[in-house]
Amino acid sequence: MLEPRVPIDFGKIALEVDDKTHVWKGDKQIKLTDIAVGDELLVNLAAPKLGSRGRCTDIWVGAETHCLATEQQRKKHTTLGR
């Protein structure tokens, strides 16, 4: 018999950050302490170490920043694919 799945509460997860973690709002880098409760975050995680979810390398704050990051990544991939 299969065990019932417990849904993940994505509203409350801990991210492993360090002095190399970049935080972006718009096209500017901001401090980690500038993130406010309720901010919508998009994160990039480095490959996890044993017993870890992975280190957070970049955090993009706000929907507009998410769109900007997506656009920049698409341009990079398009350029590399030529």
PDB file of N, CA and C in Angstrom:
ATOM      1  N   MET A   1       0.838  -1.181   0.000  1.00  0.00           N
ATOM      2  CA  MET A   1       0.000   0.000   0.000  1.00  0.00           C
ATOM      3  C   MET A   1       0.889   1.253   0.000  1.00  0.00           C
ATOM      4  N   LEU A   2       0.535   2.234  -0.796  1.00  0.00           N
ATOM      5  CA  LEU A   2       1.304   3.470  -0.886  1.00  0.00           C
ATOM      6  C   LEU A   2       1.048   4.369   0.319  1.00  0.00           C
ATOM      7  N   GLU A   3       2.111   5.008   0.763  1.00  0.00           N
ATOM      8  CA  GLU A   3       1.989   5.988   1.842  1.00  0.00           C
ATOM      9  C   GLU A   3       1.357   7.263   1.289  1.00  0.00           C
ATOM     10  N   PRO A   4       0.454   7.908   2.028  1.00  0.00           N
ATOM     11  CA  PRO A   4      -0.108   9.174   1.532  1.00  0.00           C
ATOM     12  C   PRO A   4       0.971  10.250   1.483  1.00  0.00           C
ATOM     13  N   ARG A   5       0.921  11.059   0.452  1.00  0.00           N
ATOM     14  CA  ARG A   5       1.897  12.145   0.311  1.00  0.00           C
ATOM     15  C   ARG A   5       1.455  13.340   1.131  1.00  0.00           C
ATOM     16  N   VAL A   6       2.428  13.944   1.763  1.00  0.00           N
ATOM     17  CA  VAL A   6       2.178  15.161   2.523  1.00  0.00           C
ATOM     18  C   VAL A   6       2.624  16.317   1.642  1.00  0.00           C
ATOM     19  N   PRO A   7       1.706  17.242   1.318  1.00  0.00           N
ATOM     20  CA  PRO A   7       2.103  18.351   0.442  1.00  0.00           C
ATOM     21  C   PRO A   7       3.146  19.246   1.120  1.00  0.00           C
ATOM     22  N   ILE A   8       4.057  19.763   0.308  1.00  0.00           N
ATOM     23  CA  ILE A   8       5.086  20.673   0.802  1.00  0.00           C
ATOM     24  C   ILE A   8       4.474  22.055   0.970  1.00  0.00           C
ATOM     25  N   ASP A   9       4.723  22.684   2.097  1.00  0.00           N
ATOM     26  CA  ASP A   9       4.265  24.052   2.331  1.00  0.00           C
ATOM     27  C   ASP A   9       5.331  24.991   1.778  1.00  0.00           C
ATOM     28  N   PHE A  10       5.162  25.432   0.525  1.00  0.00           N
ATOM     29  CA  PHE A  10       6.150  26.299  -0.099  1.00  0.00           C
ATOM     30  C   PHE A  10       6.139  27.701   0.482  1.00  0.00           C
ATOM     31  N   GLY A  11       5.163  28.002   1.317  1.00  0.00           N
ATOM     32  CA  GLY A  11       5.106  29.315   1.948  1.00  0.00           C
ATOM     33  C   GLY A  11       6.131  29.481   3.047  1.00  0.00           C
ATOM     34  N   LYS A  12       6.687  28.357   3.520  1.00  0.00           N
ATOM     35  CA  LYS A  12       7.616  28.432   4.643  1.00  0.00           C
ATOM     36  C   LYS A  12       8.723  27.405   4.454  1.00  0.00           C
ATOM     37  N   ILE A  13       9.769  27.798   3.743  1.00  0.00           N
ATOM     38  CA  ILE A  13      10.929  26.919   3.636  1.00  0.00           C
ATOM     39  C   ILE A  13      12.177  27.731   3.959  1.00  0.00           C
ATOM     40  N   ALA A  14      13.166  27.069   4.478  1.00  0.00           N
ATOM     41  CA  ALA A  14      14.427  27.724   4.807  1.00  0.00           C
ATOM     42  C   ALA A  14      15.379  27.561   3.630  1.00  0.00           C
ATOM     43  N   LEU A  15      16.057  28.621   3.272  1.00  0.00           N
ATOM     44  CA  LEU A  15      17.046  28.591   2.202  1.00  0.00           C
ATOM     45  C   LEU A  15      18.428  28.756   2.809  1.00  0.00           C
ATOM     46  N   GLU A  16      19.370  27.974   2.319  1.00  0.00           N
ATOM     47  CA  GLU A  16      20.758  28.095   2.771  1.00  0.00           C
ATOM     48  C   GLU A  16      21.433  29.174   1.935  1.00  0.00           C
ATOM     49  N   VAL A  17      21.852  30.257   2.573  1.00  0.00           N
ATOM     50  CA  VAL A  17      22.515  31.364   1.882  1.00  0.00           C
ATOM     51  C   VAL A  17      23.885  31.585   2.511  1.00  0.00           C
ATOM     52  N   ASP A  18      24.754  32.275   1.774  1.00  0.00           N
ATOM     53  CA  ASP A  18      26.065  32.636   2.306  1.00  0.00           C
ATOM     54  C   ASP A  18      26.488  33.966   1.700  1.00  0.00           C
ATOM     55  N   ASP A  19      27.729  34.338   1.914  1.00  0.00           N
ATOM     56  CA  ASP A  19      28.209  35.636   1.420  1.00  0.00           C
ATOM     57  C   ASP A  19      28.317  35.693  -0.100  1.00  0.00           C
ATOM     58  N   LYS A  20      28.165  34.552  -0.777  1.00  0.00           N
ATOM     59  CA  LYS A  20      28.212  34.524  -2.239  1.00  0.00           C
ATOM     60  C   LYS A  20      26.820  34.588  -2.871  1.00  0.00           C
ATOM     61  N   THR A  21      25.766  34.562  -2.050  1.00  0.00           N
ATOM     62  CA  THR A  21      24.397  34.628  -2.561  1.00  0.00           C
ATOM     63  C   THR A  21      24.110  36.040  -3.071  1.00  0.00           C
ATOM     64  N   HIS A  22      23.603  36.137  -4.308  1.00  0.00           N
ATOM     65  CA  HIS A  22      23.241  37.431  -4.895  1.00  0.00           C
ATOM     66  C   HIS A  22      21.735  37.621  -4.771  1.00  0.00           C
ATOM     67  N   VAL A  23      21.324  38.830  -4.404  1.00  0.00           N
ATOM     68  CA  VAL A  23      19.904  39.167  -4.300  1.00  0.00           C
ATOM     69  C   VAL A  23      19.639  40.306  -5.270  1.00  0.00           C
ATOM     70  N   TRP A  24      18.631  40.114  -6.140  1.00  0.00           N
ATOM     71  CA  TRP A  24      18.346  41.077  -7.197  1.00  0.00           C
ATOM     72  C   TRP A  24      16.931  41.636  -7.065  1.00  0.00           C
ATOM     73  N   LYS A  25      16.791  42.919  -7.284  1.00  0.00           N
ATOM     74  CA  LYS A  25      15.475  43.574  -7.406  1.00  0.00           C
ATOM     75  C   LYS A  25      15.598  44.509  -8.590  1.00  0.00           C
ATOM     76  N   GLY A  26      14.815  44.217  -9.642  1.00  0.00           N
ATOM     77  CA  GLY A  26      15.005  44.931 -10.898  1.00  0.00           C
ATOM     78  C   GLY A  26      16.362  44.537 -11.451  1.00  0.00           C
ATOM     79  N   ASP A  27      17.127  45.515 -11.909  1.00  0.00           N
ATOM     80  CA  ASP A  27      18.464  45.205 -12.421  1.00  0.00           C
ATOM     81  C   ASP A  27      19.557  45.548 -11.411  1.00  0.00           C
ATOM     82  N   LYS A  28      19.156  45.786 -10.161  1.00  0.00           N
ATOM     83  CA  LYS A  28      20.097  46.166  -9.110  1.00  0.00           C
ATOM     84  C   LYS A  28      20.274  45.036  -8.104  1.00  0.00           C
ATOM     85  N   GLN A  29      21.491  44.907  -7.600  1.00  0.00           N
ATOM     86  CA  GLN A  29      21.748  43.949  -6.532  1.00  0.00           C
ATOM     87  C   GLN A  29      21.442  44.640  -5.208  1.00  0.00           C
ATOM     88  N   ILE A  30      20.681  43.946  -4.351  1.00  0.00           N
ATOM     89  CA  ILE A  30      20.313  44.495  -3.053  1.00  0.00           C
ATOM     90  C   ILE A  30      20.847  43.576  -1.955  1.00  0.00           C
ATOM     91  N   LYS A  31      20.692  44.002  -0.704  1.00  0.00           N
ATOM     92  CA  LYS A  31      21.135  43.199   0.430  1.00  0.00           C
ATOM     93  C   LYS A  31      20.078  42.153   0.773  1.00  0.00           C
ATOM     94  N   LEU A  32      20.526  41.049   1.319  1.00  0.00           N
ATOM     95  CA  LEU A  32      19.626  39.997   1.767  1.00  0.00           C
ATOM     96  C   LEU A  32      18.613  40.540   2.776  1.00  0.00           C
ATOM     97  N   THR A  33      19.053  41.470   3.601  1.00  0.00           N
ATOM     98  CA  THR A  33      18.183  42.051   4.630  1.00  0.00           C
ATOM     99  C   THR A  33      17.108  42.965   4.038  1.00  0.00           C
ATOM    100  N   ASP A  34      17.204  43.306   2.745  1.00  0.00           N
ATOM    101  CA  ASP A  34      16.200  44.146   2.096  1.00  0.00           C
ATOM    102  C   ASP A  34      14.958  43.357   1.685  1.00  0.00           C
ATOM    103  N   ILE A  35      15.022  42.025   1.753  1.00  0.00           N
ATOM    104  CA  ILE A  35      13.845  41.205   1.431  1.00  0.00           C
ATOM    105  C   ILE A  35      12.832  41.381   2.547  1.00  0.00           C
ATOM    106  N   ALA A  36      11.570  41.601   2.181  1.00  0.00           N
ATOM    107  CA  ALA A  36      10.505  41.823   3.159  1.00  0.00           C
ATOM    108  C   ALA A  36       9.538  40.640   3.193  1.00  0.00           C
ATOM    109  N   VAL A  37       8.897  40.482   4.312  1.00  0.00           N
ATOM    110  CA  VAL A  37       7.862  39.454   4.441  1.00  0.00           C
ATOM    111  C   VAL A  37       6.808  39.708   3.372  1.00  0.00           C
ATOM    112  N   GLY A  38       6.432  38.675   2.644  1.00  0.00           N
ATOM    113  CA  GLY A  38       5.426  38.803   1.589  1.00  0.00           C
ATOM    114  C   GLY A  38       6.007  39.012   0.205  1.00  0.00           C
ATOM    115  N   ASP A  39       7.322  39.276   0.104  1.00  0.00           N
ATOM    116  CA  ASP A  39       7.949  39.419  -1.210  1.00  0.00           C
ATOM    117  C   ASP A  39       7.867  38.091  -1.960  1.00  0.00           C
ATOM    118  N   GLU A  40       7.595  38.173  -3.243  1.00  0.00           N
ATOM    119  CA  GLU A  40       7.573  36.986  -4.101  1.00  0.00           C
ATOM    120  C   GLU A  40       8.997  36.718  -4.554  1.00  0.00           C
ATOM    121  N   LEU A  41       9.490  35.500  -4.287  1.00  0.00           N
ATOM    122  CA  LEU A  41      10.885  35.176  -4.566  1.00  0.00           C
ATOM    123  C   LEU A  41      11.012  34.086  -5.615  1.00  0.00           C
ATOM    124  N   LEU A  42      12.035  34.225  -6.442  1.00  0.00           N
ATOM    125  CA  LEU A  42      12.467  33.185  -7.372  1.00  0.00           C
ATOM    126  C   LEU A  42      13.899  32.892  -6.968  1.00  0.00           C
ATOM    127  N   VAL A  43      14.232  31.608  -6.777  1.00  0.00           N
ATOM    128  CA  VAL A  43      15.563  31.272  -6.287  1.00  0.00           C
ATOM    129  C   VAL A  43      16.255  30.278  -7.200  1.00  0.00           C
ATOM    130  N   ASN A  44      17.575  30.312  -7.175  1.00  0.00           N
ATOM    131  CA  ASN A  44      18.404  29.351  -7.888  1.00  0.00           C
ATOM    132  C   ASN A  44      19.231  28.616  -6.846  1.00  0.00           C
ATOM    133  N   LEU A  45      19.173  27.293  -6.880  1.00  0.00           N
ATOM    134  CA  LEU A  45      19.917  26.504  -5.914  1.00  0.00           C
ATOM    135  C   LEU A  45      21.076  25.793  -6.594  1.00  0.00           C
ATOM    136  N   ALA A  46      22.258  25.846  -5.956  1.00  0.00           N
ATOM    137  CA  ALA A  46      23.413  25.079  -6.428  1.00  0.00           C
ATOM    138  C   ALA A  46      23.193  23.625  -6.041  1.00  0.00           C
ATOM    139  N   ALA A  47      23.933  22.735  -6.664  1.00  0.00           N
ATOM    140  CA  ALA A  47      23.812  21.306  -6.369  1.00  0.00           C
ATOM    141  C   ALA A  47      23.951  21.069  -4.869  1.00  0.00           C
ATOM    142  N   PRO A  48      23.045  20.281  -4.325  1.00  0.00           N
ATOM    143  CA  PRO A  48      23.072  20.069  -2.875  1.00  0.00           C
ATOM    144  C   PRO A  48      24.226  19.185  -2.416  1.00  0.00           C
ATOM    145  N   LYS A  49      24.675  19.478  -1.213  1.00  0.00           N
ATOM    146  CA  LYS A  49      25.635  18.610  -0.539  1.00  0.00           C
ATOM    147  C   LYS A  49      24.819  17.570   0.220  1.00  0.00           C
ATOM    148  N   LEU A  50      25.435  16.503   0.612  1.00  0.00           N
ATOM    149  CA  LEU A  50      24.760  15.461   1.354  1.00  0.00           C
ATOM    150  C   LEU A  50      24.095  16.049   2.596  1.00  0.00           C
ATOM    151  N   GLY A  51      22.804  15.841   2.749  1.00  0.00           N
ATOM    152  CA  GLY A  51      22.075  16.342   3.905  1.00  0.00           C
ATOM    153  C   GLY A  51      21.613  17.782   3.773  1.00  0.00           C
ATOM    154  N   SER A  52      21.752  18.372   2.593  1.00  0.00           N
ATOM    155  CA  SER A  52      21.379  19.770   2.363  1.00  0.00           C
ATOM    156  C   SER A  52      20.476  19.867   1.141  1.00  0.00           C
ATOM    157  N   ARG A  53      19.627  20.879   1.089  1.00  0.00           N
ATOM    158  CA  ARG A  53      18.790  21.122  -0.088  1.00  0.00           C
ATOM    159  C   ARG A  53      19.580  21.779  -1.203  1.00  0.00           C
ATOM    160  N   GLY A  54      20.696  22.361  -0.865  1.00  0.00           N
ATOM    161  CA  GLY A  54      21.503  23.095  -1.837  1.00  0.00           C
ATOM    162  C   GLY A  54      21.619  24.543  -1.420  1.00  0.00           C
ATOM    163  N   ARG A  55      22.747  25.153  -1.781  1.00  0.00           N
ATOM    164  CA  ARG A  55      22.980  26.555  -1.428  1.00  0.00           C
ATOM    165  C   ARG A  55      22.258  27.453  -2.424  1.00  0.00           C
ATOM    166  N   CYS A  56      21.629  28.483  -1.914  1.00  0.00           N
ATOM    167  CA  CYS A  56      20.924  29.447  -2.747  1.00  0.00           C
ATOM    168  C   CYS A  56      21.960  30.403  -3.342  1.00  0.00           C
ATOM    169  N   THR A  57      22.113  30.365  -4.680  1.00  0.00           N
ATOM    170  CA  THR A  57      23.119  31.199  -5.328  1.00  0.00           C
ATOM    171  C   THR A  57      22.580  32.574  -5.721  1.00  0.00           C
ATOM    172  N   ASP A  58      21.309  32.611  -6.107  1.00  0.00           N
ATOM    173  CA  ASP A  58      20.686  33.870  -6.515  1.00  0.00           C
ATOM    174  C   ASP A  58      19.242  33.902  -6.035  1.00  0.00           C
ATOM    175  N   ILE A  59      18.777  35.112  -5.679  1.00  0.00           N
ATOM    176  CA  ILE A  59      17.387  35.337  -5.301  1.00  0.00           C
ATOM    177  C   ILE A  59      16.912  36.547  -6.090  1.00  0.00           C
ATOM    178  N   TRP A  60      15.787  36.402  -6.790  1.00  0.00           N
ATOM    179  CA  TRP A  60      15.177  37.503  -7.520  1.00  0.00           C
ATOM    180  C   TRP A  60      13.901  37.884  -6.803  1.00  0.00           C
ATOM    181  N   VAL A  61      13.763  39.173  -6.478  1.00  0.00           N
ATOM    182  CA  VAL A  61      12.656  39.653  -5.659  1.00  0.00           C
ATOM    183  C   VAL A  61      11.626  40.378  -6.527  1.00  0.00           C
ATOM    184  N   GLY A  62      10.383  39.898  -6.505  1.00  0.00           N
ATOM    185  CA  GLY A  62       9.280  40.557  -7.201  1.00  0.00           C
ATOM    186  C   GLY A  62       9.043  40.026  -8.599  1.00  0.00           C
ATOM    187  N   ALA A  63       7.776  40.047  -9.023  1.00  0.00           N
ATOM    188  CA  ALA A  63       7.368  39.507 -10.321  1.00  0.00           C
ATOM    189  C   ALA A  63       8.072  40.201 -11.485  1.00  0.00           C
ATOM    190  N   GLU A  64       8.254  41.507 -11.409  1.00  0.00           N
ATOM    191  CA  GLU A  64       8.929  42.236 -12.492  1.00  0.00           C
ATOM    192  C   GLU A  64      10.389  41.767 -12.625  1.00  0.00           C
ATOM    193  N   THR A  65      11.043  41.527 -11.500  1.00  0.00           N
ATOM    194  CA  THR A  65      12.423  41.040 -11.518  1.00  0.00           C
ATOM    195  C   THR A  65      12.474  39.629 -12.095  1.00  0.00           C
ATOM    196  N   HIS A  66      11.470  38.807 -11.783  1.00  0.00           N
ATOM    197  CA  HIS A  66      11.411  37.449 -12.330  1.00  0.00           C
ATOM    198  C   HIS A  66      11.336  37.504 -13.852  1.00  0.00           C
ATOM    199  N   CYS A  67      10.496  38.390 -14.382  1.00  0.00           N
ATOM    200  CA  CYS A  67      10.369  38.537 -15.841  1.00  0.00           C
ATOM    201  C   CYS A  67      11.677  39.010 -16.459  1.00  0.00           C
ATOM    202  N   LEU A  68      12.339  39.958 -15.813  1.00  0.00           N
ATOM    203  CA  LEU A  68      13.613  40.479 -16.302  1.00  0.00           C
ATOM    204  C   LEU A  68      14.670  39.364 -16.328  1.00  0.00           C
ATOM    205  N   ALA A  69      14.744  38.574 -15.256  1.00  0.00           N
ATOM    206  CA  ALA A  69      15.716  37.481 -15.191  1.00  0.00           C
ATOM    207  C   ALA A  69      15.433  36.439 -16.274  1.00  0.00           C
ATOM    208  N   THR A  70      14.164  36.131 -16.491  1.00  0.00           N
ATOM    209  CA  THR A  70      13.779  35.167 -17.523  1.00  0.00           C
ATOM    210  C   THR A  70      14.188  35.673 -18.899  1.00  0.00           C
ATOM    211  N   GLU A  71      13.934  36.938 -19.164  1.00  0.00           N
ATOM    212  CA  GLU A  71      14.295  37.544 -20.454  1.00  0.00           C
ATOM    213  C   GLU A  71      15.814  37.503 -20.671  1.00  0.00           C
ATOM    214  N   GLN A  72      16.577  37.831 -19.631  1.00  0.00           N
ATOM    215  CA  GLN A  72      18.040  37.811 -19.737  1.00  0.00           C
ATOM    216  C   GLN A  72      18.557  36.402 -20.008  1.00  0.00           C
ATOM    217  N   GLN A  73      17.986  35.412 -19.324  1.00  0.00           N
ATOM    218  CA  GLN A  73      18.412  34.024 -19.530  1.00  0.00           C
ATOM    219  C   GLN A  73      18.083  33.549 -20.947  1.00  0.00           C
ATOM    220  N   ARG A  74      16.913  33.915 -21.446  1.00  0.00           N
ATOM    221  CA  ARG A  74      16.533  33.519 -22.809  1.00  0.00           C
ATOM    222  C   ARG A  74      17.492  34.117 -23.833  1.00  0.00           C
ATOM    223  N   LYS A  75      17.873  35.375 -23.626  1.00  0.00           N
ATOM    224  CA  LYS A  75      18.823  36.010 -24.536  1.00  0.00           C
ATOM    225  C   LYS A  75      20.169  35.285 -24.515  1.00  0.00           C
ATOM    226  N   LYS A  76      20.632  34.899 -23.320  1.00  0.00           N
ATOM    227  CA  LYS A  76      21.897  34.170 -23.206  1.00  0.00           C
ATOM    228  C   LYS A  76      21.827  32.844 -23.943  1.00  0.00           C
ATOM    229  N   HIS A  77      20.730  32.106 -23.749  1.00  0.00           N
ATOM    230  CA  HIS A  77      20.594  30.808 -24.385  1.00  0.00           C
ATOM    231  C   HIS A  77      20.467  30.929 -25.902  1.00  0.00           C
ATOM    232  N   THR A  78      19.773  31.970 -26.364  1.00  0.00           N
ATOM    233  CA  THR A  78      19.649  32.202 -27.789  1.00  0.00           C
ATOM    234  C   THR A  78      21.009  32.509 -28.388  1.00  0.00           C
ATOM    235  N   THR A  79      21.783  33.353 -27.723  1.00  0.00           N
ATOM    236  CA  THR A  79      23.120  33.704 -28.194  1.00  0.00           C
ATOM    237  C   THR A  79      24.036  32.489 -28.214  1.00  0.00           C
ATOM    238  N   LEU A  80      23.974  31.665 -27.175  1.00  0.00           N
ATOM    239  CA  LEU A  80      24.834  30.475 -27.105  1.00  0.00           C
ATOM    240  C   LEU A  80      24.428  29.413 -28.112  1.00  0.00           C
ATOM    241  N   GLY A  81      23.147  29.402 -28.495  1.00  0.00           N
ATOM    242  CA  GLY A  81      22.652  28.376 -29.414  1.00  0.00           C
ATOM    243  C   GLY A  81      22.957  28.661 -30.871  1.00  0.00           C
ATOM    244  N   ARG A  82      23.490  29.819 -31.176  1.00  0.00           N
ATOM    245  CA  ARG A  82      23.756  30.182 -32.573  1.00  0.00           C
ATOM    246  C   ARG A  82      24.959  29.523 -33.114  1.00  0.00           C
TER     247      ARG A  82
END
